[in-house]
Amino acid sequence: MSSSLAGVLAMAYGAVFALFGYPIFRIFLPIYGGIIGYILGVTVVAPEYPIAALVVAVILAILFAGAAYLYWSVMIGLAGAMLGYGLVTVVVGALWPSATYTPLLVGLVGALAGSFVFIYAKDVMVMVASALNGAMIVAWGLRTWLYPGSRILDSITLIAFVLVAITGLLVQIKFFGQQRKYSDRLPLHKEGVAAR
């Protein structure tokens, strides 16, 4: 497959995921779980044993795919913790580059905050995560299409990422903002109606 075709396909997939990630997230959840399990299996087993690596990778892929629905709240909490830790550590490290343990300690607070936000606002976080992931895929596809083989992040791909992320998030909030597929809580105005 040529790099230009791969770039166009990636842009199409990324755009769909950025705009409609909320309703299709459940479809991709076991697929992503399987991919993570497969990567973990190949990584854990030594490369000298390719058959064993393949067997372990397939077993873990099936287990992760099967457990994706059951334990997805834990996974989204971990995703929030990683994002919170990363953001806070980068900001603190940029503001105080000479600090040694401060970024780590503040990063742990950021991890707790990020985990709490992701677990508490699951539906919104699915929209945010899918819009950002879709935008990253679009930006990668655009760069692959425009500059085959290049690893340089230029202003065009950066602008594309920002525009697609914002557009995807706004579209998802407009069309799916009142839905609660991933949490048990109902919107406040629906609770009031139900109470009557």
C-alpha atoms as a PDB file:
ATOM      1  CA  MET A   1       0.000   0.000   0.000  1.00  0.00           C
ATOM      2  CA  SER A   2       1.422   3.376  -0.961  1.00  0.00           C
ATOM      3  CA  SER A   3       2.043   5.959   1.728  1.00  0.00           C
ATOM      4  CA  SER A   4      -0.375   8.403   0.094  1.00  0.00           C
ATOM      5  CA  LEU A   5      -3.206   5.834   0.177  1.00  0.00           C
ATOM      6  CA  ALA A   6      -2.358   4.947   3.790  1.00  0.00           C
ATOM      7  CA  GLY A   7      -2.477   8.651   4.637  1.00  0.00           C
ATOM      8  CA  VAL A   8      -5.891   9.142   3.023  1.00  0.00           C
ATOM      9  CA  LEU A   9      -7.310   6.049   4.777  1.00  0.00           C
ATOM     10  CA  ALA A  10      -5.890   7.228   8.103  1.00  0.00           C
ATOM     11  CA  MET A  11      -7.445  10.680   7.624  1.00  0.00           C
ATOM     12  CA  ALA A  12     -10.845   9.135   6.838  1.00  0.00           C
ATOM     13  CA  TYR A  13     -10.700   6.817   9.867  1.00  0.00           C
ATOM     14  CA  GLY A  14      -9.445   9.597  12.148  1.00  0.00           C
ATOM     15  CA  ALA A  15     -12.177  11.987  11.009  1.00  0.00           C
ATOM     16  CA  VAL A  16     -14.900   9.387  11.677  1.00  0.00           C
ATOM     17  CA  PHE A  17     -13.452   8.604  15.120  1.00  0.00           C
ATOM     18  CA  ALA A  18     -13.097  12.296  15.996  1.00  0.00           C
ATOM     19  CA  LEU A  19     -16.690  13.107  14.972  1.00  0.00           C
ATOM     20  CA  PHE A  20     -18.483   9.910  16.043  1.00  0.00           C
ATOM     21  CA  GLY A  21     -16.170   8.375  18.632  1.00  0.00           C
ATOM     22  CA  TYR A  22     -18.771   8.425  21.392  1.00  0.00           C
ATOM     23  CA  PRO A  23     -21.318   6.038  19.818  1.00  0.00           C
ATOM     24  CA  ILE A  24     -18.715   3.717  18.216  1.00  0.00           C
ATOM     25  CA  PHE A  25     -16.404   3.537  21.242  1.00  0.00           C
ATOM     26  CA  ARG A  26     -18.006   0.304  22.461  1.00  0.00           C
ATOM     27  CA  ILE A  27     -17.314  -1.356  19.110  1.00  0.00           C
ATOM     28  CA  PHE A  28     -13.616  -0.467  19.228  1.00  0.00           C
ATOM     29  CA  LEU A  29     -13.152  -1.197  22.944  1.00  0.00           C
ATOM     30  CA  PRO A  30     -12.556  -4.972  22.574  1.00  0.00           C
ATOM     31  CA  ILE A  31     -10.467  -4.351  19.440  1.00  0.00           C
ATOM     32  CA  TYR A  32      -8.172  -1.977  21.333  1.00  0.00           C
ATOM     33  CA  GLY A  33      -8.116  -4.402  24.284  1.00  0.00           C
ATOM     34  CA  GLY A  34      -7.021  -7.165  21.926  1.00  0.00           C
ATOM     35  CA  ILE A  35      -4.309  -4.978  20.394  1.00  0.00           C
ATOM     36  CA  ILE A  36      -2.970  -4.056  23.835  1.00  0.00           C
ATOM     37  CA  GLY A  37      -2.996  -7.717  24.901  1.00  0.00           C
ATOM     38  CA  TYR A  38      -1.197  -8.771  21.728  1.00  0.00           C
ATOM     39  CA  ILE A  39       1.488  -6.068  22.088  1.00  0.00           C
ATOM     40  CA  LEU A  40       1.985  -7.009  25.741  1.00  0.00           C
ATOM     41  CA  GLY A  41       2.311 -10.706  24.864  1.00  0.00           C
ATOM     42  CA  VAL A  42       4.889 -10.080  22.139  1.00  0.00           C
ATOM     43  CA  THR A  43       6.821  -7.748  24.472  1.00  0.00           C
ATOM     44  CA  VAL A  44       6.881 -10.103  27.472  1.00  0.00           C
ATOM     45  CA  VAL A  45       8.177 -13.214  25.675  1.00  0.00           C
ATOM     46  CA  ALA A  46      11.774 -13.168  24.454  1.00  0.00           C
ATOM     47  CA  PRO A  47      12.155 -12.695  20.673  1.00  0.00           C
ATOM     48  CA  GLU A  48      14.153 -15.954  20.458  1.00  0.00           C
ATOM     49  CA  TYR A  49      10.860 -17.831  20.928  1.00  0.00           C
ATOM     50  CA  PRO A  50       8.565 -16.499  18.187  1.00  0.00           C
ATOM     51  CA  ILE A  51       6.011 -19.339  18.438  1.00  0.00           C
ATOM     52  CA  ALA A  52       5.687 -18.934  22.222  1.00  0.00           C
ATOM     53  CA  ALA A  53       5.448 -15.165  21.773  1.00  0.00           C
ATOM     54  CA  LEU A  54       2.637 -15.607  19.249  1.00  0.00           C
ATOM     55  CA  VAL A  55       0.736 -18.043  21.499  1.00  0.00           C
ATOM     56  CA  VAL A  56       1.043 -15.799  24.577  1.00  0.00           C
ATOM     57  CA  ALA A  57       0.145 -12.730  22.500  1.00  0.00           C
ATOM     58  CA  VAL A  58      -3.002 -14.376  21.105  1.00  0.00           C
ATOM     59  CA  ILE A  59      -4.082 -15.608  24.557  1.00  0.00           C
ATOM     60  CA  LEU A  60      -3.555 -12.168  26.097  1.00  0.00           C
ATOM     61  CA  ALA A  61      -5.311 -10.513  23.146  1.00  0.00           C
ATOM     62  CA  ILE A  62      -8.379 -12.706  23.713  1.00  0.00           C
ATOM     63  CA  LEU A  63      -8.313 -12.108  27.485  1.00  0.00           C
ATOM     64  CA  PHE A  64      -7.918  -8.334  27.128  1.00  0.00           C
ATOM     65  CA  ALA A  65     -10.610  -8.143  24.456  1.00  0.00           C
ATOM     66  CA  GLY A  66     -12.995 -10.156  26.622  1.00  0.00           C
ATOM     67  CA  ALA A  67     -12.259  -8.108  29.739  1.00  0.00           C
ATOM     68  CA  ALA A  68     -12.445  -4.763  27.946  1.00  0.00           C
ATOM     69  CA  TYR A  69     -16.146  -4.240  28.664  1.00  0.00           C
ATOM     70  CA  LEU A  70     -15.955  -5.561  32.208  1.00  0.00           C
ATOM     71  CA  TYR A  71     -12.948  -3.544  33.340  1.00  0.00           C
ATOM     72  CA  TRP A  72     -13.167  -0.520  31.069  1.00  0.00           C
ATOM     73  CA  SER A  73     -13.858   1.791  34.041  1.00  0.00           C
ATOM     74  CA  VAL A  74     -10.517   0.761  35.517  1.00  0.00           C
ATOM     75  CA  MET A  75      -8.818   1.328  32.165  1.00  0.00           C
ATOM     76  CA  ILE A  76     -10.354   4.768  31.712  1.00  0.00           C
ATOM     77  CA  GLY A  77      -9.261   5.629  35.256  1.00  0.00           C
ATOM     78  CA  LEU A  78      -5.699   4.563  34.403  1.00  0.00           C
ATOM     79  CA  ALA A  79      -5.845   6.601  31.189  1.00  0.00           C
ATOM     80  CA  GLY A  80      -6.907   9.652  33.192  1.00  0.00           C
ATOM     81  CA  ALA A  81      -4.135   9.039  35.718  1.00  0.00           C
ATOM     82  CA  MET A  82      -1.498   8.814  32.977  1.00  0.00           C
ATOM     83  CA  LEU A  83      -2.786  11.940  31.275  1.00  0.00           C
ATOM     84  CA  GLY A  84      -2.982  13.884  34.539  1.00  0.00           C
ATOM     85  CA  TYR A  85       0.495  12.786  35.600  1.00  0.00           C
ATOM     86  CA  GLY A  86       1.987  13.611  32.194  1.00  0.00           C
ATOM     87  CA  LEU A  87       0.402  17.048  31.916  1.00  0.00           C
ATOM     88  CA  VAL A  88       1.272  18.143  35.435  1.00  0.00           C
ATOM     89  CA  THR A  89       4.831  16.792  35.248  1.00  0.00           C
ATOM     90  CA  VAL A  90       5.501  18.547  31.945  1.00  0.00           C
ATOM     91  CA  VAL A  91       4.103  21.869  33.200  1.00  0.00           C
ATOM     92  CA  VAL A  92       5.960  21.736  36.522  1.00  0.00           C
ATOM     93  CA  GLY A  93       9.171  20.609  34.778  1.00  0.00           C
ATOM     94  CA  ALA A  94       8.894  23.504  32.330  1.00  0.00           C
ATOM     95  CA  LEU A  95       8.254  26.064  35.077  1.00  0.00           C
ATOM     96  CA  TRP A  96      10.910  24.721  37.484  1.00  0.00           C
ATOM     97  CA  PRO A  97      13.508  22.808  35.462  1.00  0.00           C
ATOM     98  CA  SER A  98      15.918  22.621  38.411  1.00  0.00           C
ATOM     99  CA  ALA A  99      13.375  20.881  40.687  1.00  0.00           C
ATOM    100  CA  THR A 100      14.154  17.223  41.368  1.00  0.00           C
ATOM    101  CA  TYR A 101      11.306  15.595  43.296  1.00  0.00           C
ATOM    102  CA  THR A 102       8.680  18.313  42.976  1.00  0.00           C
ATOM    103  CA  PRO A 103       7.485  17.306  39.467  1.00  0.00           C
ATOM    104  CA  LEU A 104       7.158  13.689  40.608  1.00  0.00           C
ATOM    105  CA  LEU A 105       5.153  14.518  43.736  1.00  0.00           C
ATOM    106  CA  VAL A 106       2.938  17.061  42.001  1.00  0.00           C
ATOM    107  CA  GLY A 107       2.597  14.617  39.104  1.00  0.00           C
ATOM    108  CA  LEU A 108       1.148  12.012  41.483  1.00  0.00           C
ATOM    109  CA  VAL A 109      -1.462  14.565  42.578  1.00  0.00           C
ATOM    110  CA  GLY A 110      -2.172  15.202  38.886  1.00  0.00           C
ATOM    111  CA  ALA A 111      -2.544  11.440  38.363  1.00  0.00           C
ATOM    112  CA  LEU A 112      -5.132  11.212  41.140  1.00  0.00           C
ATOM    113  CA  ALA A 113      -7.006  14.231  39.808  1.00  0.00           C
ATOM    114  CA  GLY A 114      -6.938  12.926  36.239  1.00  0.00           C
ATOM    115  CA  SER A 115      -8.164   9.503  37.322  1.00  0.00           C
ATOM    116  CA  PHE A 116     -11.010  11.047  39.329  1.00  0.00           C
ATOM    117  CA  VAL A 117     -12.082  13.296  36.448  1.00  0.00           C
ATOM    118  CA  PHE A 118     -12.029  10.459  33.923  1.00  0.00           C
ATOM    119  CA  ILE A 119     -14.019   8.109  36.180  1.00  0.00           C
ATOM    120  CA  TYR A 120     -16.514  10.775  37.296  1.00  0.00           C
ATOM    121  CA  ALA A 121     -17.173  12.166  33.800  1.00  0.00           C
ATOM    122  CA  LYS A 122     -16.849   9.003  31.719  1.00  0.00           C
ATOM    123  CA  ASP A 123     -19.148  10.125  28.915  1.00  0.00           C
ATOM    124  CA  VAL A 124     -17.416  13.466  28.402  1.00  0.00           C
ATOM    125  CA  MET A 125     -13.996  11.822  28.632  1.00  0.00           C
ATOM    126  CA  VAL A 126     -14.926   9.319  25.913  1.00  0.00           C
ATOM    127  CA  MET A 127     -15.793  12.301  23.700  1.00  0.00           C
ATOM    128  CA  VAL A 128     -12.582  14.138  24.578  1.00  0.00           C
ATOM    129  CA  ALA A 129     -10.374  11.064  24.142  1.00  0.00           C
ATOM    130  CA  SER A 130     -11.963  10.048  20.824  1.00  0.00           C
ATOM    131  CA  ALA A 131     -11.777  13.610  19.460  1.00  0.00           C
ATOM    132  CA  LEU A 132      -8.091  13.878  20.410  1.00  0.00           C
ATOM    133  CA  ASN A 133      -7.210  10.393  19.144  1.00  0.00           C
ATOM    134  CA  GLY A 134      -9.094  10.950  15.896  1.00  0.00           C
ATOM    135  CA  ALA A 135      -7.332  14.288  15.439  1.00  0.00           C
ATOM    136  CA  MET A 136      -3.926  12.651  16.014  1.00  0.00           C
ATOM    137  CA  ILE A 137      -4.710  10.017  13.391  1.00  0.00           C
ATOM    138  CA  VAL A 138      -5.855  12.699  10.918  1.00  0.00           C
ATOM    139  CA  ALA A 139      -2.674  14.705  11.534  1.00  0.00           C
ATOM    140  CA  TRP A 140      -0.523  11.588  11.048  1.00  0.00           C
ATOM    141  CA  GLY A 141      -2.401  10.716   7.863  1.00  0.00           C
ATOM    142  CA  LEU A 142      -2.049  14.242   6.525  1.00  0.00           C
ATOM    143  CA  ARG A 143       1.676  14.258   7.212  1.00  0.00           C
ATOM    144  CA  THR A 144       2.049  10.827   5.581  1.00  0.00           C
ATOM    145  CA  TRP A 145       0.076  12.003   2.565  1.00  0.00           C
ATOM    146  CA  LEU A 146       1.860  15.345   2.161  1.00  0.00           C
ATOM    147  CA  TYR A 147       5.368  14.330   3.244  1.00  0.00           C
ATOM    148  CA  PRO A 148       5.876  10.567   2.783  1.00  0.00           C
ATOM    149  CA  GLY A 149       8.606   9.216   5.058  1.00  0.00           C
ATOM    150  CA  SER A 150       8.929  12.469   6.999  1.00  0.00           C
ATOM    151  CA  ARG A 151       8.885  12.497  10.803  1.00  0.00           C
ATOM    152  CA  ILE A 152       8.808  16.292  11.081  1.00  0.00           C
ATOM    153  CA  LEU A 153       5.782  17.811  12.814  1.00  0.00           C
ATOM    154  CA  ASP A 154       5.101  20.913  10.745  1.00  0.00           C
ATOM    155  CA  SER A 155       2.582  23.700  11.253  1.00  0.00           C
ATOM    156  CA  ILE A 156       0.087  22.251   8.729  1.00  0.00           C
ATOM    157  CA  THR A 157      -0.298  18.980  10.633  1.00  0.00           C
ATOM    158  CA  LEU A 158      -0.416  20.833  13.957  1.00  0.00           C
ATOM    159  CA  ILE A 159      -3.183  23.133  12.680  1.00  0.00           C
ATOM    160  CA  ALA A 160      -5.050  20.096  11.293  1.00  0.00           C
ATOM    161  CA  PHE A 161      -4.799  18.369  14.685  1.00  0.00           C
ATOM    162  CA  VAL A 162      -6.179  21.386  16.557  1.00  0.00           C
ATOM    163  CA  LEU A 163      -9.019  22.007  14.065  1.00  0.00           C
ATOM    164  CA  VAL A 164     -10.109  18.359  13.926  1.00  0.00           C
ATOM    165  CA  ALA A 165      -9.905  17.962  17.728  1.00  0.00           C
ATOM    166  CA  ILE A 166     -12.024  21.060  18.370  1.00  0.00           C
ATOM    167  CA  THR A 167     -14.512  20.234  15.598  1.00  0.00           C
ATOM    168  CA  GLY A 168     -14.823  16.615  16.721  1.00  0.00           C
ATOM    169  CA  LEU A 169     -15.405  17.582  20.347  1.00  0.00           C
ATOM    170  CA  LEU A 170     -17.998  20.234  19.442  1.00  0.00           C
ATOM    171  CA  VAL A 171     -19.873  17.869  17.110  1.00  0.00           C
ATOM    172  CA  GLN A 172     -19.916  15.086  19.689  1.00  0.00           C
ATOM    173  CA  ILE A 173     -21.109  17.392  22.462  1.00  0.00           C
ATOM    174  CA  LYS A 174     -23.854  18.770  20.208  1.00  0.00           C
ATOM    175  CA  PHE A 175     -25.179  15.376  19.077  1.00  0.00           C
ATOM    176  CA  PHE A 176     -24.321  13.087  21.995  1.00  0.00           C
ATOM    177  CA  GLY A 177     -23.885  15.476  24.938  1.00  0.00           C
ATOM    178  CA  GLN A 178     -27.129  14.474  26.657  1.00  0.00           C
ATOM    179  CA  GLN A 179     -26.583  10.725  26.306  1.00  0.00           C
ATOM    180  CA  ARG A 180     -25.239   8.570  29.121  1.00  0.00           C
ATOM    181  CA  LYS A 181     -23.973   5.338  27.546  1.00  0.00           C
ATOM    182  CA  TYR A 182     -20.993   4.874  29.850  1.00  0.00           C
ATOM    183  CA  SER A 183     -22.214   6.062  33.245  1.00  0.00           C
ATOM    184  CA  ASP A 184     -25.263   5.293  35.353  1.00  0.00           C
ATOM    185  CA  ARG A 185     -26.070   8.935  36.043  1.00  0.00           C
ATOM    186  CA  LEU A 186     -28.827  10.642  34.118  1.00  0.00           C
ATOM    187  CA  PRO A 187     -28.789  14.332  33.200  1.00  0.00           C
ATOM    188  CA  LEU A 188     -30.256  16.507  35.956  1.00  0.00           C
ATOM    189  CA  HIS A 189     -33.289  17.600  33.956  1.00  0.00           C
ATOM    190  CA  LYS A 190     -34.184  13.973  33.168  1.00  0.00           C
ATOM    191  CA  GLU A 191     -33.914  13.020  36.839  1.00  0.00           C
ATOM    192  CA  GLY A 192     -36.380  15.774  37.652  1.00  0.00           C
ATOM    193  CA  VAL A 193     -38.790  14.492  35.019  1.00  0.00           C
ATOM    194  CA  ALA A 194     -38.397  10.910  36.229  1.00  0.00           C
ATOM    195  CA  ALA A 195     -39.056  11.989  39.824  1.00  0.00           C
ATOM    196  CA  ARG A 196     -42.397  13.431  38.815  1.00  0.00           C
END
